[in-house]
Amino acid sequence: MMTVAIIVSVLFAIAAVACWIYGAVAYAQTLRSVPAGQSDLKWLLVVGWLFARKRLEGAAAEHAARVNKALVAFIACVMVALSAAALASNLSRFSR
């Protein structure tokens, strides 16, 4: 059972890294999609993502939605990976 928990922990850690990379790429696409006349919005996206994303329209809004989904998936993967690592740690302690 400990081996299964370790495998789950490693797989979800890899998935968290993949979600982070996907989110970073989508974030870069969001910044590229902001119109040139709205450079103040670009800086607001860098500093305060949650406050600026509601002002986005068109392609930038679509990329921003992908960033948000990647963030949620990243947090979920990290939570599962840490839970599985804790389970593996407890199981290894009890199996001795």
PDB file of N, CA and C in Angstrom:
ATOM      1  N   MET A   1       0.824  -1.195   0.000  1.00  0.00           N
ATOM      2  CA  MET A   1       0.000   0.000   0.000  1.00  0.00           C
ATOM      3  C   MET A   1       0.869   1.260   0.000  1.00  0.00           C
ATOM      4  N   MET A   2       2.011   1.164   0.689  1.00  0.00           N
ATOM      5  CA  MET A   2       2.905   2.307   0.727  1.00  0.00           C
ATOM      6  C   MET A   2       3.438   2.622  -0.680  1.00  0.00           C
ATOM      7  N   THR A   3       3.716   1.576  -1.449  1.00  0.00           N
ATOM      8  CA  THR A   3       4.222   1.764  -2.806  1.00  0.00           C
ATOM      9  C   THR A   3       3.196   2.468  -3.686  1.00  0.00           C
ATOM     10  N   VAL A   4       1.948   2.112  -3.520  1.00  0.00           N
ATOM     11  CA  VAL A   4       0.877   2.762  -4.286  1.00  0.00           C
ATOM     12  C   VAL A   4       0.802   4.241  -3.921  1.00  0.00           C
ATOM     13  N   ALA A   5       0.918   4.551  -2.639  1.00  0.00           N
ATOM     14  CA  ALA A   5       0.867   5.954  -2.206  1.00  0.00           C
ATOM     15  C   ALA A   5       2.053   6.739  -2.759  1.00  0.00           C
ATOM     16  N   ILE A   6       3.222   6.127  -2.817  1.00  0.00           N
ATOM     17  CA  ILE A   6       4.392   6.808  -3.379  1.00  0.00           C
ATOM     18  C   ILE A   6       4.206   7.054  -4.870  1.00  0.00           C
ATOM     19  N   ILE A   7       3.687   6.056  -5.570  1.00  0.00           N
ATOM     20  CA  ILE A   7       3.445   6.208  -7.016  1.00  0.00           C
ATOM     21  C   ILE A   7       2.427   7.312  -7.281  1.00  0.00           C
ATOM     22  N   VAL A   8       1.355   7.349  -6.505  1.00  0.00           N
ATOM     23  CA  VAL A   8       0.340   8.395  -6.665  1.00  0.00           C
ATOM     24  C   VAL A   8       0.950   9.766  -6.382  1.00  0.00           C
ATOM     25  N   SER A   9       1.769   9.843  -5.346  1.00  0.00           N
ATOM     26  CA  SER A   9       2.402  11.112  -5.000  1.00  0.00           C
ATOM     27  C   SER A   9       3.308  11.607  -6.124  1.00  0.00           C
ATOM     28  N   VAL A  10       4.105  10.729  -6.688  1.00  0.00           N
ATOM     29  CA  VAL A  10       5.011  11.113  -7.776  1.00  0.00           C
ATOM     30  C   VAL A  10       4.220  11.505  -9.026  1.00  0.00           C
ATOM     31  N   LEU A  11       3.197  10.749  -9.360  1.00  0.00           N
ATOM     32  CA  LEU A  11       2.403  11.059 -10.556  1.00  0.00           C
ATOM     33  C   LEU A  11       1.717  12.416 -10.437  1.00  0.00           C
ATOM     34  N   PHE A  12       1.175  12.704  -9.269  1.00  0.00           N
ATOM     35  CA  PHE A  12       0.509  13.989  -9.108  1.00  0.00           C
ATOM     36  C   PHE A  12       1.495  15.138  -8.994  1.00  0.00           C
ATOM     37  N   ALA A  13       2.697  14.880  -8.521  1.00  0.00           N
ATOM     38  CA  ALA A  13       3.732  15.921  -8.532  1.00  0.00           C
ATOM     39  C   ALA A  13       4.121  16.255  -9.976  1.00  0.00           C
ATOM     40  N   ILE A  14       4.236  15.240 -10.805  1.00  0.00           N
ATOM     41  CA  ILE A  14       4.527  15.464 -12.227  1.00  0.00           C
ATOM     42  C   ILE A  14       3.367  16.207 -12.893  1.00  0.00           C
ATOM     43  N   ALA A  15       2.147  15.838 -12.544  1.00  0.00           N
ATOM     44  CA  ALA A  15       0.979  16.527 -13.097  1.00  0.00           C
ATOM     45  C   ALA A  15       0.946  17.987 -12.651  1.00  0.00           C
ATOM     46  N   ALA A  16       1.363  18.268 -11.421  1.00  0.00           N
ATOM     47  CA  ALA A  16       1.404  19.653 -10.937  1.00  0.00           C
ATOM     48  C   ALA A  16       2.409  20.472 -11.738  1.00  0.00           C
ATOM     49  N   VAL A  17       3.553  19.888 -12.043  1.00  0.00           N
ATOM     50  CA  VAL A  17       4.553  20.585 -12.862  1.00  0.00           C
ATOM     51  C   VAL A  17       3.995  20.840 -14.258  1.00  0.00           C
ATOM     52  N   ALA A  18       3.297  19.862 -14.816  1.00  0.00           N
ATOM     53  CA  ALA A  18       2.702  20.029 -16.147  1.00  0.00           C
ATOM     54  C   ALA A  18       1.639  21.137 -16.136  1.00  0.00           C
ATOM     55  N   CYS A  19       0.827  21.200 -15.095  1.00  0.00           N
ATOM     56  CA  CYS A  19      -0.182  22.262 -14.985  1.00  0.00           C
ATOM     57  C   CYS A  19       0.478  23.626 -14.844  1.00  0.00           C
ATOM     58  N   TRP A  20       1.581  23.680 -14.112  1.00  0.00           N
ATOM     59  CA  TRP A  20       2.304  24.935 -13.950  1.00  0.00           C
ATOM     60  C   TRP A  20       2.842  25.427 -15.297  1.00  0.00           C
ATOM     61  N   ILE A  21       3.416  24.536 -16.073  1.00  0.00           N
ATOM     62  CA  ILE A  21       3.956  24.904 -17.382  1.00  0.00           C
ATOM     63  C   ILE A  21       2.827  25.338 -18.315  1.00  0.00           C
ATOM     64  N   TYR A  22       1.727  24.599 -18.328  1.00  0.00           N
ATOM     65  CA  TYR A  22       0.584  24.960 -19.169  1.00  0.00           C
ATOM     66  C   TYR A  22       0.038  26.332 -18.767  1.00  0.00           C
ATOM     67  N   GLY A  23      -0.053  26.581 -17.484  1.00  0.00           N
ATOM     68  CA  GLY A  23      -0.521  27.881 -17.006  1.00  0.00           C
ATOM     69  C   GLY A  23       0.422  29.011 -17.383  1.00  0.00           C
ATOM     70  N   ALA A  24       1.730  28.753 -17.332  1.00  0.00           N
ATOM     71  CA  ALA A  24       2.702  29.779 -17.699  1.00  0.00           C
ATOM     72  C   ALA A  24       2.615  30.113 -19.184  1.00  0.00           C
ATOM     73  N   VAL A  25       2.421  29.099 -20.007  1.00  0.00           N
ATOM     74  CA  VAL A  25       2.277  29.336 -21.448  1.00  0.00           C
ATOM     75  C   VAL A  25       0.996  30.114 -21.736  1.00  0.00           C
ATOM     76  N   ALA A  26      -0.091  29.735 -21.097  1.00  0.00           N
ATOM     77  CA  ALA A  26      -1.359  30.452 -21.295  1.00  0.00           C
ATOM     78  C   ALA A  26      -1.267  31.882 -20.771  1.00  0.00           C
ATOM     79  N   TYR A  27      -0.522  32.087 -19.688  1.00  0.00           N
ATOM     80  CA  TYR A  27      -0.333  33.438 -19.157  1.00  0.00           C
ATOM     81  C   TYR A  27       0.446  34.304 -20.149  1.00  0.00           C
ATOM     82  N   ALA A  28       1.478  33.729 -20.752  1.00  0.00           N
ATOM     83  CA  ALA A  28       2.245  34.469 -21.759  1.00  0.00           C
ATOM     84  C   ALA A  28       1.362  34.810 -22.956  1.00  0.00           C
ATOM     85  N   GLN A  29       0.501  33.883 -23.355  1.00  0.00           N
ATOM     86  CA  GLN A  29      -0.418  34.156 -24.461  1.00  0.00           C
ATOM     87  C   GLN A  29      -1.419  35.238 -24.086  1.00  0.00           C
ATOM     88  N   THR A  30      -1.824  35.265 -22.828  1.00  0.00           N
ATOM     89  CA  THR A  30      -2.739  36.310 -22.370  1.00  0.00           C
ATOM     90  C   THR A  30      -2.074  37.676 -22.474  1.00  0.00           C
ATOM     91  N   LEU A  31      -0.821  37.757 -22.023  1.00  0.00           N
ATOM     92  CA  LEU A  31      -0.113  39.037 -22.098  1.00  0.00           C
ATOM     93  C   LEU A  31       0.097  39.481 -23.540  1.00  0.00           C
ATOM     94  N   ARG A  32       0.347  38.518 -24.440  1.00  0.00           N
ATOM     95  CA  ARG A  32       0.525  38.867 -25.855  1.00  0.00           C
ATOM     96  C   ARG A  32      -0.787  39.296 -26.501  1.00  0.00           C
ATOM     97  N   SER A  33      -1.921  38.820 -25.987  1.00  0.00           N
ATOM     98  CA  SER A  33      -3.220  39.112 -26.596  1.00  0.00           C
ATOM     99  C   SER A  33      -3.798  40.453 -26.173  1.00  0.00           C
ATOM    100  N   VAL A  34      -3.219  41.068 -25.165  1.00  0.00           N
ATOM    101  CA  VAL A  34      -3.723  42.375 -24.724  1.00  0.00           C
ATOM    102  C   VAL A  34      -3.391  43.403 -25.802  1.00  0.00           C
ATOM    103  N   PRO A  35      -4.364  44.218 -26.186  1.00  0.00           N
ATOM    104  CA  PRO A  35      -4.111  45.226 -27.230  1.00  0.00           C
ATOM    105  C   PRO A  35      -2.990  46.194 -26.840  1.00  0.00           C
ATOM    106  N   ALA A  36      -2.284  46.694 -27.831  1.00  0.00           N
ATOM    107  CA  ALA A  36      -1.121  47.555 -27.590  1.00  0.00           C
ATOM    108  C   ALA A  36      -1.493  48.847 -26.869  1.00  0.00           C
ATOM    109  N   GLY A  37      -2.688  49.330 -27.054  1.00  0.00           N
ATOM    110  CA  GLY A  37      -3.113  50.575 -26.429  1.00  0.00           C
ATOM    111  C   GLY A  37      -3.404  50.452 -24.947  1.00  0.00           C
ATOM    112  N   GLN A  38      -3.412  49.245 -24.428  1.00  0.00           N
ATOM    113  CA  GLN A  38      -3.746  49.031 -23.017  1.00  0.00           C
ATOM    114  C   GLN A  38      -2.535  48.512 -22.239  1.00  0.00           C
ATOM    115  N   SER A  39      -1.451  49.253 -22.286  1.00  0.00           N
ATOM    116  CA  SER A  39      -0.248  48.813 -21.588  1.00  0.00           C
ATOM    117  C   SER A  39      -0.437  48.855 -20.078  1.00  0.00           C
ATOM    118  N   ASP A  40      -1.321  49.750 -19.587  1.00  0.00           N
ATOM    119  CA  ASP A  40      -1.593  49.783 -18.152  1.00  0.00           C
ATOM    120  C   ASP A  40      -2.298  48.498 -17.698  1.00  0.00           C
ATOM    121  N   LEU A  41      -3.110  47.925 -18.573  1.00  0.00           N
ATOM    122  CA  LEU A  41      -3.772  46.662 -18.252  1.00  0.00           C
ATOM    123  C   LEU A  41      -2.765  45.521 -18.186  1.00  0.00           C
ATOM    124  N   LYS A  42      -1.742  45.580 -19.025  1.00  0.00           N
ATOM    125  CA  LYS A  42      -0.684  44.556 -18.984  1.00  0.00           C
ATOM    126  C   LYS A  42       0.020  44.562 -17.639  1.00  0.00           C
ATOM    127  N   TRP A  43       0.357  45.759 -17.154  1.00  0.00           N
ATOM    128  CA  TRP A  43       1.020  45.837 -15.851  1.00  0.00           C
ATOM    129  C   TRP A  43       0.092  45.401 -14.734  1.00  0.00           C
ATOM    130  N   LEU A  44      -1.178  45.707 -14.850  1.00  0.00           N
ATOM    131  CA  LEU A  44      -2.132  45.265 -13.842  1.00  0.00           C
ATOM    132  C   LEU A  44      -2.270  43.744 -13.864  1.00  0.00           C
ATOM    133  N   LEU A  45      -2.162  43.128 -15.044  1.00  0.00           N
ATOM    134  CA  LEU A  45      -2.177  41.669 -15.138  1.00  0.00           C
ATOM    135  C   LEU A  45      -0.973  41.054 -14.435  1.00  0.00           C
ATOM    136  N   VAL A  46       0.162  41.708 -14.524  1.00  0.00           N
ATOM    137  CA  VAL A  46       1.367  41.188 -13.889  1.00  0.00           C
ATOM    138  C   VAL A  46       1.268  41.332 -12.368  1.00  0.00           C
ATOM    139  N   VAL A  47       0.802  42.478 -11.904  1.00  0.00           N
ATOM    140  CA  VAL A  47       0.789  42.767 -10.470  1.00  0.00           C
ATOM    141  C   VAL A  47      -0.439  42.173  -9.778  1.00  0.00           C
ATOM    142  N   GLY A  48      -1.598  42.361 -10.351  1.00  0.00           N
ATOM    143  CA  GLY A  48      -2.838  41.933  -9.700  1.00  0.00           C
ATOM    144  C   GLY A  48      -3.738  41.167 -10.639  1.00  0.00           C
ATOM    145  N   TRP A  49      -3.420  39.905 -10.856  1.00  0.00           N
ATOM    146  CA  TRP A  49      -4.137  39.065 -11.811  1.00  0.00           C
ATOM    147  C   TRP A  49      -5.644  39.062 -11.561  1.00  0.00           C
ATOM    148  N   LEU A  50      -6.053  38.901 -10.326  1.00  0.00           N
ATOM    149  CA  LEU A  50      -7.477  38.762 -10.021  1.00  0.00           C
ATOM    150  C   LEU A  50      -8.268  40.035 -10.320  1.00  0.00           C
ATOM    151  N   PHE A  51      -7.612  41.189 -10.216  1.00  0.00           N
ATOM    152  CA  PHE A  51      -8.312  42.447 -10.440  1.00  0.00           C
ATOM    153  C   PHE A  51      -8.361  42.826 -11.919  1.00  0.00           C
ATOM    154  N   ALA A  52      -7.416  42.355 -12.693  1.00  0.00           N
ATOM    155  CA  ALA A  52      -7.329  42.771 -14.093  1.00  0.00           C
ATOM    156  C   ALA A  52      -8.055  41.836 -15.042  1.00  0.00           C
ATOM    157  N   ARG A  53      -8.214  40.600 -14.684  1.00  0.00           N
ATOM    158  CA  ARG A  53      -8.726  39.645 -15.664  1.00  0.00           C
ATOM    159  C   ARG A  53     -10.175  39.909 -16.038  1.00  0.00           C
ATOM    160  N   LYS A  54     -10.937  40.584 -15.208  1.00  0.00           N
ATOM    161  CA  LYS A  54     -12.326  40.893 -15.552  1.00  0.00           C
ATOM    162  C   LYS A  54     -12.424  41.975 -16.634  1.00  0.00           C
ATOM    163  N   ARG A  55     -11.349  42.710 -16.853  1.00  0.00           N
ATOM    164  CA  ARG A  55     -11.338  43.751 -17.877  1.00  0.00           C
ATOM    165  C   ARG A  55     -10.951  43.222 -19.248  1.00  0.00           C
ATOM    166  N   LEU A  56     -10.561  41.978 -19.326  1.00  0.00           N
ATOM    167  CA  LEU A  56     -10.096  41.416 -20.596  1.00  0.00           C
ATOM    168  C   LEU A  56     -11.267  41.067 -21.500  1.00  0.00           C
ATOM    169  N   GLU A  57     -11.023  41.168 -22.794  1.00  0.00           N
ATOM    170  CA  GLU A  57     -12.039  40.828 -23.787  1.00  0.00           C
ATOM    171  C   GLU A  57     -11.400  40.027 -24.906  1.00  0.00           C
ATOM    172  N   GLY A  58     -12.201  39.263 -25.607  1.00  0.00           N
ATOM    173  CA  GLY A  58     -11.741  38.538 -26.790  1.00  0.00           C
ATOM    174  C   GLY A  58     -10.783  37.404 -26.477  1.00  0.00           C
ATOM    175  N   ALA A  59      -9.723  37.327 -27.256  1.00  0.00           N
ATOM    176  CA  ALA A  59      -8.755  36.238 -27.127  1.00  0.00           C
ATOM    177  C   ALA A  59      -8.047  36.275 -25.778  1.00  0.00           C
ATOM    178  N   ALA A  60      -7.791  37.472 -25.265  1.00  0.00           N
ATOM    179  CA  ALA A  60      -7.119  37.583 -23.966  1.00  0.00           C
ATOM    180  C   ALA A  60      -7.977  36.975 -22.863  1.00  0.00           C
ATOM    181  N   ALA A  61      -9.290  37.154 -22.946  1.00  0.00           N
ATOM    182  CA  ALA A  61     -10.192  36.578 -21.940  1.00  0.00           C
ATOM    183  C   ALA A  61     -10.203  35.052 -22.026  1.00  0.00           C
ATOM    184  N   GLU A  62     -10.126  34.528 -23.241  1.00  0.00           N
ATOM    185  CA  GLU A  62     -10.085  33.066 -23.401  1.00  0.00           C
ATOM    186  C   GLU A  62      -8.803  32.482 -22.819  1.00  0.00           C
ATOM    187  N   HIS A  63      -7.685  33.151 -23.072  1.00  0.00           N
ATOM    188  CA  HIS A  63      -6.421  32.678 -22.505  1.00  0.00           C
ATOM    189  C   HIS A  63      -6.425  32.811 -20.982  1.00  0.00           C
ATOM    190  N   ALA A  64      -7.037  33.869 -20.479  1.00  0.00           N
ATOM    191  CA  ALA A  64      -7.114  34.062 -19.034  1.00  0.00           C
ATOM    192  C   ALA A  64      -7.941  32.958 -18.379  1.00  0.00           C
ATOM    193  N   ALA A  65      -8.992  32.519 -19.049  1.00  0.00           N
ATOM    194  CA  ALA A  65      -9.794  31.419 -18.512  1.00  0.00           C
ATOM    195  C   ALA A  65      -8.968  30.135 -18.434  1.00  0.00           C
ATOM    196  N   ARG A  66      -8.100  29.917 -19.426  1.00  0.00           N
ATOM    197  CA  ARG A  66      -7.221  28.745 -19.392  1.00  0.00           C
ATOM    198  C   ARG A  66      -6.214  28.839 -18.252  1.00  0.00           C
ATOM    199  N   VAL A  67      -5.723  30.044 -17.988  1.00  0.00           N
ATOM    200  CA  VAL A  67      -4.795  30.235 -16.867  1.00  0.00           C
ATOM    201  C   VAL A  67      -5.484  29.895 -15.552  1.00  0.00           C
ATOM    202  N   ASN A  68      -6.709  30.353 -15.379  1.00  0.00           N
ATOM    203  CA  ASN A  68      -7.443  30.081 -14.148  1.00  0.00           C
ATOM    204  C   ASN A  68      -7.689  28.581 -13.961  1.00  0.00           C
ATOM    205  N   LYS A  69      -8.019  27.900 -15.032  1.00  0.00           N
ATOM    206  CA  LYS A  69      -8.238  26.456 -14.945  1.00  0.00           C
ATOM    207  C   LYS A  69      -6.937  25.732 -14.615  1.00  0.00           C
ATOM    208  N   ALA A  70      -5.830  26.193 -15.177  1.00  0.00           N
ATOM    209  CA  ALA A  70      -4.534  25.583 -14.869  1.00  0.00           C
ATOM    210  C   ALA A  70      -4.157  25.808 -13.417  1.00  0.00           C
ATOM    211  N   LEU A  71      -4.485  26.978 -12.873  1.00  0.00           N
ATOM    212  CA  LEU A  71      -4.202  27.240 -11.464  1.00  0.00           C
ATOM    213  C   LEU A  71      -4.993  26.319 -10.545  1.00  0.00           C
ATOM    214  N   VAL A  72      -6.260  26.113 -10.855  1.00  0.00           N
ATOM    215  CA  VAL A  72      -7.090  25.219 -10.051  1.00  0.00           C
ATOM    216  C   VAL A  72      -6.562  23.785 -10.133  1.00  0.00           C
ATOM    217  N   ALA A  73      -6.198  23.349 -11.325  1.00  0.00           N
ATOM    218  CA  ALA A  73      -5.655  21.999 -11.488  1.00  0.00           C
ATOM    219  C   ALA A  73      -4.319  21.859 -10.759  1.00  0.00           C
ATOM    220  N   PHE A  74      -3.479  22.893 -10.796  1.00  0.00           N
ATOM    221  CA  PHE A  74      -2.197  22.860 -10.099  1.00  0.00           C
ATOM    222  C   PHE A  74      -2.400  22.704  -8.600  1.00  0.00           C
ATOM    223  N   ILE A  75      -3.309  23.484  -8.037  1.00  0.00           N
ATOM    224  CA  ILE A  75      -3.561  23.412  -6.596  1.00  0.00           C
ATOM    225  C   ILE A  75      -4.121  22.050  -6.220  1.00  0.00           C
ATOM    226  N   ALA A  76      -5.020  21.508  -7.032  1.00  0.00           N
ATOM    227  CA  ALA A  76      -5.573  20.183  -6.748  1.00  0.00           C
ATOM    228  C   ALA A  76      -4.493  19.107  -6.809  1.00  0.00           C
ATOM    229  N   CYS A  77      -3.619  19.184  -7.794  1.00  0.00           N
ATOM    230  CA  CYS A  77      -2.538  18.195  -7.920  1.00  0.00           C
ATOM    231  C   CYS A  77      -1.576  18.272  -6.743  1.00  0.00           C
ATOM    232  N   VAL A  78      -1.255  19.483  -6.309  1.00  0.00           N
ATOM    233  CA  VAL A  78      -0.351  19.630  -5.168  1.00  0.00           C
ATOM    234  C   VAL A  78      -0.996  19.055  -3.905  1.00  0.00           C
ATOM    235  N   MET A  79      -2.279  19.303  -3.723  1.00  0.00           N
ATOM    236  CA  MET A  79      -2.967  18.777  -2.536  1.00  0.00           C
ATOM    237  C   MET A  79      -2.981  17.261  -2.526  1.00  0.00           C
ATOM    238  N   VAL A  80      -3.266  16.643  -3.654  1.00  0.00           N
ATOM    239  CA  VAL A  80      -3.294  15.185  -3.728  1.00  0.00           C
ATOM    240  C   VAL A  80      -1.894  14.608  -3.550  1.00  0.00           C
ATOM    241  N   ALA A  81      -0.889  15.244  -4.157  1.00  0.00           N
ATOM    242  CA  ALA A  81       0.488  14.761  -4.028  1.00  0.00           C
ATOM    243  C   ALA A  81       0.954  14.823  -2.578  1.00  0.00           C
ATOM    244  N   LEU A  82       0.659  15.916  -1.903  1.00  0.00           N
ATOM    245  CA  LEU A  82       1.058  16.028  -0.501  1.00  0.00           C
ATOM    246  C   LEU A  82       0.295  15.056   0.390  1.00  0.00           C
ATOM    247  N   SER A  83      -0.967  14.849   0.110  1.00  0.00           N
ATOM    248  CA  SER A  83      -1.751  13.884   0.887  1.00  0.00           C
ATOM    249  C   SER A  83      -1.223  12.469   0.694  1.00  0.00           C
ATOM    250  N   ALA A  84      -0.894  12.117  -0.528  1.00  0.00           N
ATOM    251  CA  ALA A  84      -0.357  10.782  -0.796  1.00  0.00           C
ATOM    252  C   ALA A  84       1.028  10.617  -0.170  1.00  0.00           C
ATOM    253  N   ALA A  85       1.824  11.683  -0.167  1.00  0.00           N
ATOM    254  CA  ALA A  85       3.141  11.608   0.477  1.00  0.00           C
ATOM    255  C   ALA A  85       2.991  11.429   1.987  1.00  0.00           C
ATOM    256  N   ALA A  86       2.039  12.116   2.581  1.00  0.00           N
ATOM    257  CA  ALA A  86       1.790  11.945   4.015  1.00  0.00           C
ATOM    258  C   ALA A  86       1.301  10.530   4.317  1.00  0.00           C
ATOM    259  N   LEU A  87       0.448  10.011   3.468  1.00  0.00           N
ATOM    260  CA  LEU A  87      -0.030   8.640   3.648  1.00  0.00           C
ATOM    261  C   LEU A  87       1.119   7.645   3.527  1.00  0.00           C
ATOM    262  N   ALA A  88       1.983   7.824   2.551  1.00  0.00           N
ATOM    263  CA  ALA A  88       3.134   6.943   2.387  1.00  0.00           C
ATOM    264  C   ALA A  88       4.056   7.018   3.599  1.00  0.00           C
ATOM    265  N   SER A  89       4.221   8.208   4.114  1.00  0.00           N
ATOM    266  CA  SER A  89       5.062   8.388   5.294  1.00  0.00           C
ATOM    267  C   SER A  89       4.471   7.671   6.505  1.00  0.00           C
ATOM    268  N   ASN A  90       3.192   7.790   6.703  1.00  0.00           N
ATOM    269  CA  ASN A  90       2.549   7.098   7.832  1.00  0.00           C
ATOM    270  C   ASN A  90       2.554   5.598   7.649  1.00  0.00           C
ATOM    271  N   LEU A  91       2.348   5.130   6.430  1.00  0.00           N
ATOM    272  CA  LEU A  91       2.348   3.695   6.198  1.00  0.00           C
ATOM    273  C   LEU A  91       3.742   3.100   6.371  1.00  0.00           C
ATOM    274  N   SER A  92       4.771   3.844   6.016  1.00  0.00           N
ATOM    275  CA  SER A  92       6.122   3.312   6.185  1.00  0.00           C
ATOM    276  C   SER A  92       6.485   3.245   7.661  1.00  0.00           C
ATOM    277  N   ARG A  93       5.956   4.142   8.445  1.00  0.00           N
ATOM    278  CA  ARG A  93       6.229   4.128   9.882  1.00  0.00           C
ATOM    279  C   ARG A  93       5.542   2.946  10.552  1.00  0.00           C
ATOM    280  N   PHE A  94       4.322   2.630  10.137  1.00  0.00           N
ATOM    281  CA  PHE A  94       3.567   1.543  10.760  1.00  0.00           C
ATOM    282  C   PHE A  94       4.000   0.166  10.268  1.00  0.00           C
ATOM    283  N   SER A  95       4.611   0.095   9.123  1.00  0.00           N
ATOM    284  CA  SER A  95       4.951  -1.230   8.572  1.00  0.00           C
ATOM    285  C   SER A  95       6.200  -1.814   9.215  1.00  0.00           C
ATOM    286  N   ARG A  96       6.941  -1.047   9.937  1.00  0.00           N
ATOM    287  CA  ARG A  96       8.168  -1.548  10.580  1.00  0.00           C
ATOM    288  C   ARG A  96       7.857  -2.370  11.752  1.00  0.00           C
TER     289      ARG A  96
END
